[in-house]
PDB file of N, CA and C in Angstrom:
ATOM      1  N   MET A   1      77.291 150.652 150.490  1.00  0.00           N
ATOM      2  CA  MET A   1      77.164 152.054 150.173  1.00  0.00           C
ATOM      3  C   MET A   1      77.264 152.844 151.464  1.00  0.00           C
ATOM      4  N   ALA A   2      78.179 153.784 151.488  1.00  0.00           N
ATOM      5  CA  ALA A   2      78.397 154.603 152.671  1.00  0.00           C
ATOM      6  C   ALA A   2      77.284 155.636 152.804  1.00  0.00           C
ATOM      7  N   GLN A   3      76.981 155.921 154.043  1.00  0.00           N
ATOM      8  CA  GLN A   3      75.919 156.872 154.326  1.00  0.00           C
ATOM      9  C   GLN A   3      76.532 158.044 155.070  1.00  0.00           C
ATOM     10  N   THR A   4      76.154 159.258 154.682  1.00  0.00           N
ATOM     11  CA  THR A   4      76.666 160.433 155.386  1.00  0.00           C
ATOM     12  C   THR A   4      75.738 160.775 156.530  1.00  0.00           C
ATOM     13  N   VAL A   5      76.348 160.975 157.680  1.00  0.00           N
ATOM     14  CA  VAL A   5      75.582 161.269 158.877  1.00  0.00           C
ATOM     15  C   VAL A   5      76.183 162.514 159.516  1.00  0.00           C
ATOM     16  N   LYS A   6      75.321 163.434 159.882  1.00  0.00           N
ATOM     17  CA  LYS A   6      75.797 164.627 160.597  1.00  0.00           C
ATOM     18  C   LYS A   6      76.130 164.232 162.024  1.00  0.00           C
ATOM     19  N   ILE A   7      76.961 165.020 162.652  1.00  0.00           N
ATOM     20  CA  ILE A   7      77.417 164.712 164.006  1.00  0.00           C
ATOM     21  C   ILE A   7      76.260 164.645 164.993  1.00  0.00           C
ATOM     22  N   GLU A   8      75.223 165.420 164.767  1.00  0.00           N
ATOM     23  CA  GLU A   8      74.067 165.413 165.660  1.00  0.00           C
ATOM     24  C   GLU A   8      73.306 164.084 165.568  1.00  0.00           C
ATOM     25  N   GLY A   9      73.344 163.439 164.417  1.00  0.00           N
ATOM     26  CA  GLY A   9      72.609 162.198 164.213  1.00  0.00           C
ATOM     27  C   GLY A   9      73.457 160.945 164.362  1.00  0.00           C
ATOM     28  N   LEU A  10      74.704 161.128 164.784  1.00  0.00           N
ATOM     29  CA  LEU A  10      75.620 159.985 164.899  1.00  0.00           C
ATOM     30  C   LEU A  10      75.132 158.965 165.925  1.00  0.00           C
ATOM     31  N   ALA A  11      74.679 159.413 167.062  1.00  0.00           N
ATOM     32  CA  ALA A  11      74.219 158.499 168.111  1.00  0.00           C
ATOM     33  C   ALA A  11      73.012 157.687 167.633  1.00  0.00           C
ATOM     34  N   ALA A  12      72.085 158.339 166.953  1.00  0.00           N
ATOM     35  CA  ALA A  12      70.903 157.636 166.448  1.00  0.00           C
ATOM     36  C   ALA A  12      71.284 156.631 165.362  1.00  0.00           C
ATOM     37  N   ALA A  13      72.246 156.990 164.503  1.00  0.00           N
ATOM     38  CA  ALA A  13      72.676 156.086 163.433  1.00  0.00           C
ATOM     39  C   ALA A  13      73.367 154.852 164.016  1.00  0.00           C
ATOM     40  N   VAL A  14      74.223 155.054 165.000  1.00  0.00           N
ATOM     41  CA  VAL A  14      74.905 153.932 165.652  1.00  0.00           C
ATOM     42  C   VAL A  14      73.892 153.055 166.378  1.00  0.00           C
ATOM     43  N   ASP A  15      72.919 153.679 167.010  1.00  0.00           N
ATOM     44  CA  ASP A  15      71.875 152.929 167.711  1.00  0.00           C
ATOM     45  C   ASP A  15      71.077 152.066 166.736  1.00  0.00           C
ATOM     46  N   ASP A  16      70.735 152.610 165.567  1.00  0.00           N
ATOM     47  CA  ASP A  16      70.002 151.848 164.565  1.00  0.00           C
ATOM     48  C   ASP A  16      70.818 150.659 164.056  1.00  0.00           C
ATOM     49  N   ILE A  17      72.081 150.873 163.791  1.00  0.00           N
ATOM     50  CA  ILE A  17      72.949 149.795 163.298  1.00  0.00           C
ATOM     51  C   ILE A  17      73.088 148.696 164.346  1.00  0.00           C
ATOM     52  N   LEU A  18      73.257 149.090 165.596  1.00  0.00           N
ATOM     53  CA  LEU A  18      73.382 148.090 166.663  1.00  0.00           C
ATOM     54  C   LEU A  18      72.078 147.334 166.892  1.00  0.00           C
ATOM     55  N   ALA A  19      70.958 147.989 166.701  1.00  0.00           N
ATOM     56  CA  ALA A  19      69.667 147.310 166.847  1.00  0.00           C
ATOM     57  C   ALA A  19      69.488 146.251 165.765  1.00  0.00           C
ATOM     58  N   VAL A  20      69.854 146.580 164.529  1.00  0.00           N
ATOM     59  CA  VAL A  20      69.755 145.619 163.428  1.00  0.00           C
ATOM     60  C   VAL A  20      70.708 144.451 163.672  1.00  0.00           C
ATOM     61  N   TYR A  21      71.940 144.743 164.096  1.00  0.00           N
ATOM     62  CA  TYR A  21      72.924 143.696 164.388  1.00  0.00           C
ATOM     63  C   TYR A  21      72.439 142.803 165.531  1.00  0.00           C
ATOM     64  N   GLY A  22      71.904 143.409 166.585  1.00  0.00           N
ATOM     65  CA  GLY A  22      71.415 142.638 167.728  1.00  0.00           C
ATOM     66  C   GLY A  22      70.267 141.722 167.350  1.00  0.00           C
ATOM     67  N   THR A  23      69.361 142.200 166.517  1.00  0.00           N
ATOM     68  CA  THR A  23      68.245 141.375 166.060  1.00  0.00           C
ATOM     69  C   THR A  23      68.745 140.208 165.214  1.00  0.00           C
ATOM     70  N   ALA A  24      69.700 140.483 164.345  1.00  0.00           N
ATOM     71  CA  ALA A  24      70.245 139.427 163.482  1.00  0.00           C
ATOM     72  C   ALA A  24      70.950 138.360 164.322  1.00  0.00           C
ATOM     73  N   VAL A  25      71.718 138.787 165.310  1.00  0.00           N
ATOM     74  CA  VAL A  25      72.434 137.843 166.173  1.00  0.00           C
ATOM     75  C   VAL A  25      71.439 137.027 167.003  1.00  0.00           C
ATOM     76  N   THR A  26      70.455 137.684 167.573  1.00  0.00           N
ATOM     77  CA  THR A  26      69.460 136.984 168.397  1.00  0.00           C
ATOM     78  C   THR A  26      68.697 135.944 167.580  1.00  0.00           C
ATOM     79  N   ASP A  27      68.249 136.318 166.387  1.00  0.00           N
ATOM     80  CA  ASP A  27      67.529 135.371 165.533  1.00  0.00           C
ATOM     81  C   ASP A  27      68.417 134.209 165.115  1.00  0.00           C
ATOM     82  N   GLY A  28      69.671 134.506 164.810  1.00  0.00           N
ATOM     83  CA  GLY A  28      70.609 133.453 164.425  1.00  0.00           C
ATOM     84  C   GLY A  28      70.875 132.479 165.560  1.00  0.00           C
ATOM     85  N   ILE A  29      71.017 132.993 166.764  1.00  0.00           N
ATOM     86  CA  ILE A  29      71.278 132.126 167.917  1.00  0.00           C
ATOM     87  C   ILE A  29      70.044 131.285 168.233  1.00  0.00           C
ATOM     88  N   LYS A  30      68.865 131.853 168.097  1.00  0.00           N
ATOM     89  CA  LYS A  30      67.639 131.064 168.323  1.00  0.00           C
ATOM     90  C   LYS A  30      67.542 129.913 167.334  1.00  0.00           C
ATOM     91  N   ARG A  31      67.862 130.176 166.073  1.00  0.00           N
ATOM     92  CA  ARG A  31      67.854 129.112 165.067  1.00  0.00           C
ATOM     93  C   ARG A  31      68.910 128.059 165.401  1.00  0.00           C
ATOM     94  N   ALA A  32      70.077 128.504 165.856  1.00  0.00           N
ATOM     95  CA  ALA A  32      71.145 127.567 166.222  1.00  0.00           C
ATOM     96  C   ALA A  32      70.723 126.700 167.406  1.00  0.00           C
ATOM     97  N   VAL A  33      70.040 127.288 168.380  1.00  0.00           N
ATOM     98  CA  VAL A  33      69.550 126.521 169.531  1.00  0.00           C
ATOM     99  C   VAL A  33      68.573 125.450 169.066  1.00  0.00           C
ATOM    100  N   ASP A  34      67.662 125.808 168.171  1.00  0.00           N
ATOM    101  CA  ASP A  34      66.709 124.828 167.641  1.00  0.00           C
ATOM    102  C   ASP A  34      67.418 123.689 166.916  1.00  0.00           C
ATOM    103  N   ASP A  35      68.373 124.047 166.049  1.00  0.00           N
ATOM    104  CA  ASP A  35      69.087 123.039 165.268  1.00  0.00           C
ATOM    105  C   ASP A  35      69.896 122.100 166.156  1.00  0.00           C
ATOM    106  N   VAL A  36      70.629 122.675 167.101  1.00  0.00           N
ATOM    107  CA  VAL A  36      71.480 121.869 167.974  1.00  0.00           C
ATOM    108  C   VAL A  36      70.635 120.987 168.890  1.00  0.00           C
ATOM    109  N   ALA A  37      69.529 121.505 169.405  1.00  0.00           N
ATOM    110  CA  ALA A  37      68.669 120.714 170.284  1.00  0.00           C
ATOM    111  C   ALA A  37      68.059 119.537 169.518  1.00  0.00           C
ATOM    112  N   LYS A  38      67.610 119.784 168.307  1.00  0.00           N
ATOM    113  CA  LYS A  38      67.038 118.705 167.498  1.00  0.00           C
ATOM    114  C   LYS A  38      68.096 117.656 167.170  1.00  0.00           C
ATOM    115  N   GLU A  39      69.288 118.117 166.803  1.00  0.00           N
ATOM    116  CA  GLU A  39      70.381 117.198 166.490  1.00  0.00           C
ATOM    117  C   GLU A  39      70.773 116.375 167.720  1.00  0.00           C
ATOM    118  N   MET A  40      70.846 117.014 168.880  1.00  0.00           N
ATOM    119  CA  MET A  40      71.190 116.306 170.111  1.00  0.00           C
ATOM    120  C   MET A  40      70.132 115.259 170.439  1.00  0.00           C
ATOM    121  N   SER A  41      68.882 115.608 170.300  1.00  0.00           N
ATOM    122  CA  SER A  41      67.801 114.676 170.583  1.00  0.00           C
ATOM    123  C   SER A  41      67.882 113.452 169.671  1.00  0.00           C
ATOM    124  N   GLU A  42      68.134 113.683 168.393  1.00  0.00           N
ATOM    125  CA  GLU A  42      68.264 112.574 167.452  1.00  0.00           C
ATOM    126  C   GLU A  42      69.466 111.693 167.783  1.00  0.00           C
ATOM    127  N   ASN A  43      70.588 112.319 168.169  1.00  0.00           N
ATOM    128  CA  ASN A  43      71.784 111.553 168.511  1.00  0.00           C
ATOM    129  C   ASN A  43      71.584 110.719 169.775  1.00  0.00           C
ATOM    130  N   ILE A  44      70.909 111.273 170.760  1.00  0.00           N
ATOM    131  CA  ILE A  44      70.647 110.521 171.986  1.00  0.00           C
ATOM    132  C   ILE A  44      69.733 109.338 171.685  1.00  0.00           C
ATOM    133  N   LYS A  45      68.713 109.564 170.878  1.00  0.00           N
ATOM    134  CA  LYS A  45      67.824 108.457 170.504  1.00  0.00           C
ATOM    135  C   LYS A  45      68.593 107.377 169.753  1.00  0.00           C
ATOM    136  N   ARG A  46      69.489 107.806 168.878  1.00  0.00           N
ATOM    137  CA  ARG A  46      70.273 106.849 168.100  1.00  0.00           C
ATOM    138  C   ARG A  46      71.173 105.996 168.999  1.00  0.00           C
ATOM    139  N   ASP A  47      71.793 106.622 170.001  1.00  0.00           N
ATOM    140  CA  ASP A  47      72.748 105.930 170.866  1.00  0.00           C
ATOM    141  C   ASP A  47      72.102 105.200 172.038  1.00  0.00           C
ATOM    142  N   ALA A  48      70.835 105.462 172.296  1.00  0.00           N
ATOM    143  CA  ALA A  48      70.167 104.851 173.452  1.00  0.00           C
ATOM    144  C   ALA A  48      69.964 103.352 173.214  1.00  0.00           C
ATOM    145  N   PRO A  49      70.027 102.573 174.303  1.00  0.00           N
ATOM    146  CA  PRO A  49      69.781 101.134 174.158  1.00  0.00           C
ATOM    147  C   PRO A  49      68.325 100.875 173.805  1.00  0.00           C
ATOM    148  N   GLU A  50      68.135  99.819 173.037  1.00  0.00           N
ATOM    149  CA  GLU A  50      66.767  99.516 172.616  1.00  0.00           C
ATOM    150  C   GLU A  50      66.452  98.050 172.926  1.00  0.00           C
ATOM    151  N   ARG A  51      65.673  97.859 173.935  1.00  0.00           N
ATOM    152  CA  ARG A  51      65.214  96.510 174.241  1.00  0.00           C
ATOM    153  C   ARG A  51      63.759  96.354 173.801  1.00  0.00           C
ATOM    154  N   THR A  52      62.920  97.240 174.297  1.00  0.00           N
ATOM    155  CA  THR A  52      61.516  97.194 173.886  1.00  0.00           C
ATOM    156  C   THR A  52      61.151  98.387 173.004  1.00  0.00           C
ATOM    157  N   GLY A  53      61.939  99.452 173.056  1.00  0.00           N
ATOM    158  CA  GLY A  53      61.666 100.646 172.269  1.00  0.00           C
ATOM    159  C   GLY A  53      60.862 101.693 173.006  1.00  0.00           C
ATOM    160  N   ARG A  54      60.343 101.357 174.183  1.00  0.00           N
ATOM    161  CA  ARG A  54      59.521 102.320 174.941  1.00  0.00           C
ATOM    162  C   ARG A  54      60.368 103.491 175.444  1.00  0.00           C
ATOM    163  N   TYR A  55      61.608 103.212 175.824  1.00  0.00           N
ATOM    164  CA  TYR A  55      62.495 104.265 176.342  1.00  0.00           C
ATOM    165  C   TYR A  55      62.764 105.305 175.254  1.00  0.00           C
ATOM    166  N   LYS A  56      63.072 104.855 174.049  1.00  0.00           N
ATOM    167  CA  LYS A  56      63.345 105.789 172.951  1.00  0.00           C
ATOM    168  C   LYS A  56      62.099 106.587 172.573  1.00  0.00           C
ATOM    169  N   LYS A  57      60.948 105.943 172.605  1.00  0.00           N
ATOM    170  CA  LYS A  57      59.706 106.635 172.251  1.00  0.00           C
ATOM    171  C   LYS A  57      59.329 107.700 173.275  1.00  0.00           C
ATOM    172  N   ALA A  58      59.803 107.543 174.515  1.00  0.00           N
ATOM    173  CA  ALA A  58      59.456 108.491 175.573  1.00  0.00           C
ATOM    174  C   ALA A  58      60.330 109.739 175.543  1.00  0.00           C
ATOM    175  N   MET A  59      61.379 109.775 174.727  1.00  0.00           N
ATOM    176  CA  MET A  59      62.277 110.937 174.666  1.00  0.00           C
ATOM    177  C   MET A  59      61.587 112.075 173.935  1.00  0.00           C
ATOM    178  N   LYS A  60      61.683 113.265 174.530  1.00  0.00           N
ATOM    179  CA  LYS A  60      60.994 114.422 173.977  1.00  0.00           C
ATOM    180  C   LYS A  60      61.872 115.665 174.070  1.00  0.00           C
ATOM    181  N   LEU A  61      61.494 116.674 173.305  1.00  0.00           N
ATOM    182  CA  LEU A  61      62.170 117.960 173.296  1.00  0.00           C
ATOM    183  C   LEU A  61      61.091 119.031 173.371  1.00  0.00           C
ATOM    184  N   ARG A  62      61.274 120.001 174.271  1.00  0.00           N
ATOM    185  CA  ARG A  62      60.266 121.052 174.393  1.00  0.00           C
ATOM    186  C   ARG A  62      60.941 122.404 174.628  1.00  0.00           C
ATOM    187  N   THR A  63      60.203 123.457 174.351  1.00  0.00           N
ATOM    188  CA  THR A  63      60.671 124.811 174.613  1.00  0.00           C
ATOM    189  C   THR A  63      60.153 125.212 175.986  1.00  0.00           C
ATOM    190  N   LEU A  64      61.080 125.461 176.909  1.00  0.00           N
ATOM    191  CA  LEU A  64      60.691 125.855 178.265  1.00  0.00           C
ATOM    192  C   LEU A  64      60.212 127.291 178.316  1.00  0.00           C
ATOM    193  N   SER A  65      61.008 128.185 177.743  1.00  0.00           N
ATOM    194  CA  SER A  65      60.589 129.580 177.706  1.00  0.00           C
ATOM    195  C   SER A  65      61.251 130.273 176.530  1.00  0.00           C
ATOM    196  N   GLU A  66      60.632 131.361 176.114  1.00  0.00           N
ATOM    197  CA  GLU A  66      61.143 132.105 174.979  1.00  0.00           C
ATOM    198  C   GLU A  66      60.705 133.556 175.092  1.00  0.00           C
ATOM    199  N   THR A  67      61.648 134.439 174.857  1.00  0.00           N
ATOM    200  CA  THR A  67      61.344 135.862 174.760  1.00  0.00           C
ATOM    201  C   THR A  67      61.952 136.354 173.456  1.00  0.00           C
ATOM    202  N   SER A  68      61.952 137.645 173.279  1.00  0.00           N
ATOM    203  CA  SER A  68      62.565 138.176 172.065  1.00  0.00           C
ATOM    204  C   SER A  68      64.089 138.099 172.130  1.00  0.00           C
ATOM    205  N   TYR A  69      64.656 137.791 173.311  1.00  0.00           N
ATOM    206  CA  TYR A  69      66.106 137.751 173.473  1.00  0.00           C
ATOM    207  C   TYR A  69      66.686 136.354 173.647  1.00  0.00           C
ATOM    208  N   TYR A  70      65.899 135.376 174.043  1.00  0.00           N
ATOM    209  CA  TYR A  70      66.449 134.039 174.265  1.00  0.00           C
ATOM    210  C   TYR A  70      65.390 132.963 174.081  1.00  0.00           C
ATOM    211  N   ARG A  71      65.865 131.727 173.958  1.00  0.00           N
ATOM    212  CA  ARG A  71      65.003 130.556 173.840  1.00  0.00           C
ATOM    213  C   ARG A  71      65.663 129.432 174.630  1.00  0.00           C
ATOM    214  N   ILE A  72      64.901 128.778 175.496  1.00  0.00           N
ATOM    215  CA  ILE A  72      65.416 127.677 176.305  1.00  0.00           C
ATOM    216  C   ILE A  72      64.714 126.393 175.882  1.00  0.00           C
ATOM    217  N   LYS A  73      65.504 125.415 175.429  1.00  0.00           N
ATOM    218  CA  LYS A  73      64.988 124.106 175.030  1.00  0.00           C
ATOM    219  C   LYS A  73      65.357 123.091 176.110  1.00  0.00           C
ATOM    220  N   GLN A  74      64.510 122.097 176.293  1.00  0.00           N
ATOM    221  CA  GLN A  74      64.778 121.050 177.275  1.00  0.00           C
ATOM    222  C   GLN A  74      64.538 119.688 176.642  1.00  0.00           C
ATOM    223  N   TRP A  75      65.525 118.816 176.794  1.00  0.00           N
ATOM    224  CA  TRP A  75      65.381 117.427 176.379  1.00  0.00           C
ATOM    225  C   TRP A  75      65.025 116.643 177.628  1.00  0.00           C
ATOM    226  N   TYR A  76      64.078 115.714 177.512  1.00  0.00           N
ATOM    227  CA  TYR A  76      63.686 114.929 178.674  1.00  0.00           C
ATOM    228  C   TYR A  76      63.096 113.596 178.231  1.00  0.00           C
ATOM    229  N   VAL A  77      62.974 112.706 179.182  1.00  0.00           N
ATOM    230  CA  VAL A  77      62.339 111.410 178.932  1.00  0.00           C
ATOM    231  C   VAL A  77      61.019 111.429 179.671  1.00  0.00           C
ATOM    232  N   GLY A  78      59.938 111.151 178.948  1.00  0.00           N
ATOM    233  CA  GLY A  78      58.600 111.201 179.526  1.00  0.00           C
ATOM    234  C   GLY A  78      58.351 110.092 180.540  1.00  0.00           C
ATOM    235  N   THR A  79      57.297 110.252 181.282  1.00  0.00           N
ATOM    236  CA  THR A  79      56.918 109.313 182.338  1.00  0.00           C
ATOM    237  C   THR A  79      56.392 108.029 181.730  1.00  0.00           C
ATOM    238  N   PRO A  80      56.564 106.894 182.284  1.00  0.00           N
ATOM    239  CA  PRO A  80      57.355 106.507 183.452  1.00  0.00           C
ATOM    240  C   PRO A  80      58.772 106.087 183.102  1.00  0.00           C
ATOM    241  N   GLU A  81      59.168 106.270 181.858  1.00  0.00           N
ATOM    242  CA  GLU A  81      60.485 105.822 181.417  1.00  0.00           C
ATOM    243  C   GLU A  81      61.627 106.694 181.946  1.00  0.00           C
ATOM    244  N   HIS A  82      61.323 107.853 182.511  1.00  0.00           N
ATOM    245  CA  HIS A  82      62.368 108.752 182.985  1.00  0.00           C
ATOM    246  C   HIS A  82      63.207 108.127 184.091  1.00  0.00           C
ATOM    247  N   ARG A  83      62.683 107.147 184.774  1.00  0.00           N
ATOM    248  CA  ARG A  83      63.425 106.515 185.865  1.00  0.00           C
ATOM    249  C   ARG A  83      64.625 105.722 185.365  1.00  0.00           C
ATOM    250  N   LYS A  84      64.620 105.371 184.095  1.00  0.00           N
ATOM    251  CA  LYS A  84      65.682 104.526 183.552  1.00  0.00           C
ATOM    252  C   LYS A  84      66.917 105.308 183.137  1.00  0.00           C
ATOM    253  N   SER A  85      66.794 106.603 182.922  1.00  0.00           N
ATOM    254  CA  SER A  85      67.882 107.384 182.344  1.00  0.00           C
ATOM    255  C   SER A  85      69.176 107.283 183.128  1.00  0.00           C
ATOM    256  N   HIS A  86      69.145 107.576 184.410  1.00  0.00           N
ATOM    257  CA  HIS A  86      70.381 107.560 185.190  1.00  0.00           C
ATOM    258  C   HIS A  86      70.890 106.136 185.382  1.00  0.00           C
ATOM    259  N   LEU A  87      70.007 105.152 185.380  1.00  0.00           N
ATOM    260  CA  LEU A  87      70.440 103.770 185.533  1.00  0.00           C
ATOM    261  C   LEU A  87      71.132 103.264 184.271  1.00  0.00           C
ATOM    262  N   LEU A  88      70.686 103.718 183.122  1.00  0.00           N
ATOM    263  CA  LEU A  88      71.318 103.315 181.876  1.00  0.00           C
ATOM    264  C   LEU A  88      72.608 104.083 181.611  1.00  0.00           C
ATOM    265  N   GLU A  89      72.650 105.336 182.006  1.00  0.00           N
ATOM    266  CA  GLU A  89      73.805 106.194 181.719  1.00  0.00           C
ATOM    267  C   GLU A  89      75.048 105.757 182.498  1.00  0.00           C
ATOM    268  N   ARG A  90      74.878 105.404 183.759  1.00  0.00           N
ATOM    269  CA  ARG A  90      76.019 105.039 184.599  1.00  0.00           C
ATOM    270  C   ARG A  90      75.794 103.660 185.214  1.00  0.00           C
ATOM    271  N   PRO A  91      76.881 102.917 185.427  1.00  0.00           N
ATOM    272  CA  PRO A  91      76.710 101.603 186.062  1.00  0.00           C
ATOM    273  C   PRO A  91      76.286 101.763 187.521  1.00  0.00           C
ATOM    274  N   HIS A  92      75.608 100.766 188.035  1.00  0.00           N
ATOM    275  CA  HIS A  92      75.150 100.809 189.415  1.00  0.00           C
ATOM    276  C   HIS A  92      75.179  99.398 189.983  1.00  0.00           C
ATOM    277  N   ARG A  93      75.065  99.304 191.278  1.00  0.00           N
ATOM    278  CA  ARG A  93      75.087  98.001 191.948  1.00  0.00           C
ATOM    279  C   ARG A  93      73.774  97.261 191.707  1.00  0.00           C
ATOM    280  N   THR A  94      73.882  95.968 191.543  1.00  0.00           N
ATOM    281  CA  THR A  94      72.692  95.137 191.387  1.00  0.00           C
ATOM    282  C   THR A  94      72.392  94.440 192.709  1.00  0.00           C
ATOM    283  N   ARG A  95      71.277  93.776 192.771  1.00  0.00           N
ATOM    284  CA  ARG A  95      70.902  93.079 194.001  1.00  0.00           C
ATOM    285  C   ARG A  95      71.858  91.944 194.335  1.00  0.00           C
ATOM    286  N   SER A  96      72.457  91.358 193.318  1.00  0.00           N
ATOM    287  CA  SER A  96      73.357  90.231 193.554  1.00  0.00           C
ATOM    288  C   SER A  96      74.761  90.688 193.944  1.00  0.00           C
ATOM    289  N   GLY A  97      74.989  92.004 194.017  1.00  0.00           N
ATOM    290  CA  GLY A  97      76.279  92.524 194.451  1.00  0.00           C
ATOM    291  C   GLY A  97      77.198  92.919 193.318  1.00  0.00           C
ATOM    292  N   GLY A  98      76.843  92.593 192.091  1.00  0.00           N
ATOM    293  CA  GLY A  98      77.665  92.970 190.948  1.00  0.00           C
ATOM    294  C   GLY A  98      77.340  94.373 190.467  1.00  0.00           C
ATOM    295  N   LYS A  99      77.895  94.711 189.318  1.00  0.00           N
ATOM    296  CA  LYS A  99      77.625  96.012 188.714  1.00  0.00           C
ATOM    297  C   LYS A  99      76.912  95.811 187.388  1.00  0.00           C
ATOM    298  N   SER A 100      76.001  96.687 187.098  1.00  0.00           N
ATOM    299  CA  SER A 100      75.288  96.607 185.829  1.00  0.00           C
ATOM    300  C   SER A 100      76.148  97.218 184.726  1.00  0.00           C
ATOM    301  N   ARG A 101      75.775  96.947 183.500  1.00  0.00           N
ATOM    302  CA  ARG A 101      76.471  97.499 182.343  1.00  0.00           C
ATOM    303  C   ARG A 101      75.956  98.912 182.081  1.00  0.00           C
ATOM    304  N   ALA A 102      76.871  99.820 181.746  1.00  0.00           N
ATOM    305  CA  ALA A 102      76.482 101.197 181.447  1.00  0.00           C
ATOM    306  C   ALA A 102      76.225 101.351 179.953  1.00  0.00           C
ATOM    307  N   PHE A 103      75.262 102.182 179.621  1.00  0.00           N
ATOM    308  CA  PHE A 103      74.966 102.538 178.234  1.00  0.00           C
ATOM    309  C   PHE A 103      75.054 104.055 178.118  1.00  0.00           C
ATOM    310  N   PRO A 104      76.279 104.610 178.050  1.00  0.00           N
ATOM    311  CA  PRO A 104      76.401 106.068 177.985  1.00  0.00           C
ATOM    312  C   PRO A 104      75.838 106.603 176.667  1.00  0.00           C
ATOM    313  N   HIS A 105      74.807 107.414 176.772  1.00  0.00           N
ATOM    314  CA  HIS A 105      74.183 107.958 175.576  1.00  0.00           C
ATOM    315  C   HIS A 105      73.749 109.409 175.751  1.00  0.00           C
ATOM    316  N   ILE A 106      73.624 109.879 176.963  1.00  0.00           N
ATOM    317  CA  ILE A 106      73.151 111.247 177.187  1.00  0.00           C
ATOM    318  C   ILE A 106      74.312 112.224 177.318  1.00  0.00           C
ATOM    319  N   GLU A 107      75.226 111.943 178.226  1.00  0.00           N
ATOM    320  CA  GLU A 107      76.283 112.894 178.562  1.00  0.00           C
ATOM    321  C   GLU A 107      77.179 113.226 177.372  1.00  0.00           C
ATOM    322  N   LYS A 108      77.599 112.209 176.616  1.00  0.00           N
ATOM    323  CA  LYS A 108      78.500 112.473 175.491  1.00  0.00           C
ATOM    324  C   LYS A 108      77.818 113.312 174.406  1.00  0.00           C
ATOM    325  N   ASN A 109      76.537 113.083 174.174  1.00  0.00           N
ATOM    326  CA  ASN A 109      75.818 113.871 173.180  1.00  0.00           C
ATOM    327  C   ASN A 109      75.522 115.282 173.680  1.00  0.00           C
ATOM    328  N   ALA A 110      75.300 115.439 174.971  1.00  0.00           N
ATOM    329  CA  ALA A 110      75.085 116.773 175.535  1.00  0.00           C
ATOM    330  C   ALA A 110      76.363 117.609 175.443  1.00  0.00           C
ATOM    331  N   GLU A 111      77.503 116.981 175.702  1.00  0.00           N
ATOM    332  CA  GLU A 111      78.779 117.697 175.588  1.00  0.00           C
ATOM    333  C   GLU A 111      79.054 118.096 174.142  1.00  0.00           C
ATOM    334  N   ALA A 112      78.776 117.198 173.205  1.00  0.00           N
ATOM    335  CA  ALA A 112      78.966 117.516 171.787  1.00  0.00           C
ATOM    336  C   ALA A 112      78.033 118.649 171.359  1.00  0.00           C
ATOM    337  N   ALA A 113      76.819 118.648 171.855  1.00  0.00           N
ATOM    338  CA  ALA A 113      75.862 119.707 171.526  1.00  0.00           C
ATOM    339  C   ALA A 113      76.320 121.051 172.089  1.00  0.00           C
ATOM    340  N   GLU A 114      76.876 121.021 173.287  1.00  0.00           N
ATOM    341  CA  GLU A 114      77.375 122.263 173.891  1.00  0.00           C
ATOM    342  C   GLU A 114      78.506 122.853 173.060  1.00  0.00           C
ATOM    343  N   LYS A 115      79.443 122.014 172.638  1.00  0.00           N
ATOM    344  CA  LYS A 115      80.552 122.492 171.798  1.00  0.00           C
ATOM    345  C   LYS A 115      80.037 123.023 170.464  1.00  0.00           C
ATOM    346  N   SER A 116      79.081 122.321 169.884  1.00  0.00           N
ATOM    347  CA  SER A 116      78.517 122.744 168.608  1.00  0.00           C
ATOM    348  C   SER A 116      77.806 124.087 168.734  1.00  0.00           C
ATOM    349  N   LEU A 117      77.049 124.266 169.813  1.00  0.00           N
ATOM    350  CA  LEU A 117      76.340 125.529 170.011  1.00  0.00           C
ATOM    351  C   LEU A 117      77.312 126.682 170.244  1.00  0.00           C
ATOM    352  N   LEU A 118      78.378 126.438 170.998  1.00  0.00           N
ATOM    353  CA  LEU A 118      79.382 127.484 171.205  1.00  0.00           C
ATOM    354  C   LEU A 118      80.029 127.893 169.888  1.00  0.00           C
ATOM    355  N   LYS A 119      80.361 126.914 169.058  1.00  0.00           N
ATOM    356  CA  LYS A 119      80.980 127.203 167.762  1.00  0.00           C
ATOM    357  C   LYS A 119      80.024 127.995 166.870  1.00  0.00           C
ATOM    358  N   LYS A 120      78.768 127.572 166.812  1.00  0.00           N
ATOM    359  CA  LYS A 120      77.784 128.277 165.990  1.00  0.00           C
ATOM    360  C   LYS A 120      77.532 129.691 166.507  1.00  0.00           C
ATOM    361  N   THR A 121      77.521 129.845 167.828  1.00  0.00           N
ATOM    362  CA  THR A 121      77.308 131.171 168.412  1.00  0.00           C
ATOM    363  C   THR A 121      78.449 132.108 168.050  1.00  0.00           C
ATOM    364  N   GLU A 122      79.679 131.618 168.130  1.00  0.00           N
ATOM    365  CA  GLU A 122      80.824 132.451 167.757  1.00  0.00           C
ATOM    366  C   GLU A 122      80.749 132.863 166.288  1.00  0.00           C
ATOM    367  N   GLU A 123      80.373 131.928 165.407  1.00  0.00           N
ATOM    368  CA  GLU A 123      80.231 132.252 163.999  1.00  0.00           C
ATOM    369  C   GLU A 123      79.150 133.305 163.765  1.00  0.00           C
ATOM    370  N   ILE A 124      78.030 133.154 164.450  1.00  0.00           N
ATOM    371  CA  ILE A 124      76.926 134.100 164.282  1.00  0.00           C
ATOM    372  C   ILE A 124      77.320 135.489 164.745  1.00  0.00           C
ATOM    373  N   ILE A 125      78.031 135.565 165.869  1.00  0.00           N
ATOM    374  CA  ILE A 125      78.418 136.866 166.402  1.00  0.00           C
ATOM    375  C   ILE A 125      79.452 137.542 165.499  1.00  0.00           C
ATOM    376  N   THR A 126      80.412 136.776 165.003  1.00  0.00           N
ATOM    377  CA  THR A 126      81.438 137.401 164.146  1.00  0.00           C
ATOM    378  C   THR A 126      80.892 137.781 162.764  1.00  0.00           C
ATOM    379  N   ASN A 127      79.968 136.989 162.243  1.00  0.00           N
ATOM    380  CA  ASN A 127      79.432 137.287 160.906  1.00  0.00           C
ATOM    381  C   ASN A 127      78.217 138.215 160.928  1.00  0.00           C
ATOM    382  N   GLY A 128      77.598 138.374 162.099  1.00  0.00           N
ATOM    383  CA  GLY A 128      76.467 139.279 162.228  1.00  0.00           C
ATOM    384  C   GLY A 128      75.272 138.714 161.564  1.00  0.00           C
TER     385      GLY A 128
END
């Protein structure tokens, strides 16, 4: 339904519409960040190597900071299992001079999550 606005009230009407649009976009992006972070965490746990299960149990997701305009999520491996992440992700030299086997599970899922978040953000912005 179209609304008639006098020229004097045009700036206020545009400001109101942009405020509603901005709130809708911000809320949508926050929800997308939550969904993508949770999905990424589950995918990393799924792809991680499991010998004893302690490494997978130490994986966590937390909100670093949040305001009315943004939300920052962080995926991490809790102590003391955090030392294993880079050793499992990439091969490294062993004491005997050989190379260890790599278990890539973090980087590929982080890249997929980044692409997914970009796609969802574009959809949210275009659809309002």
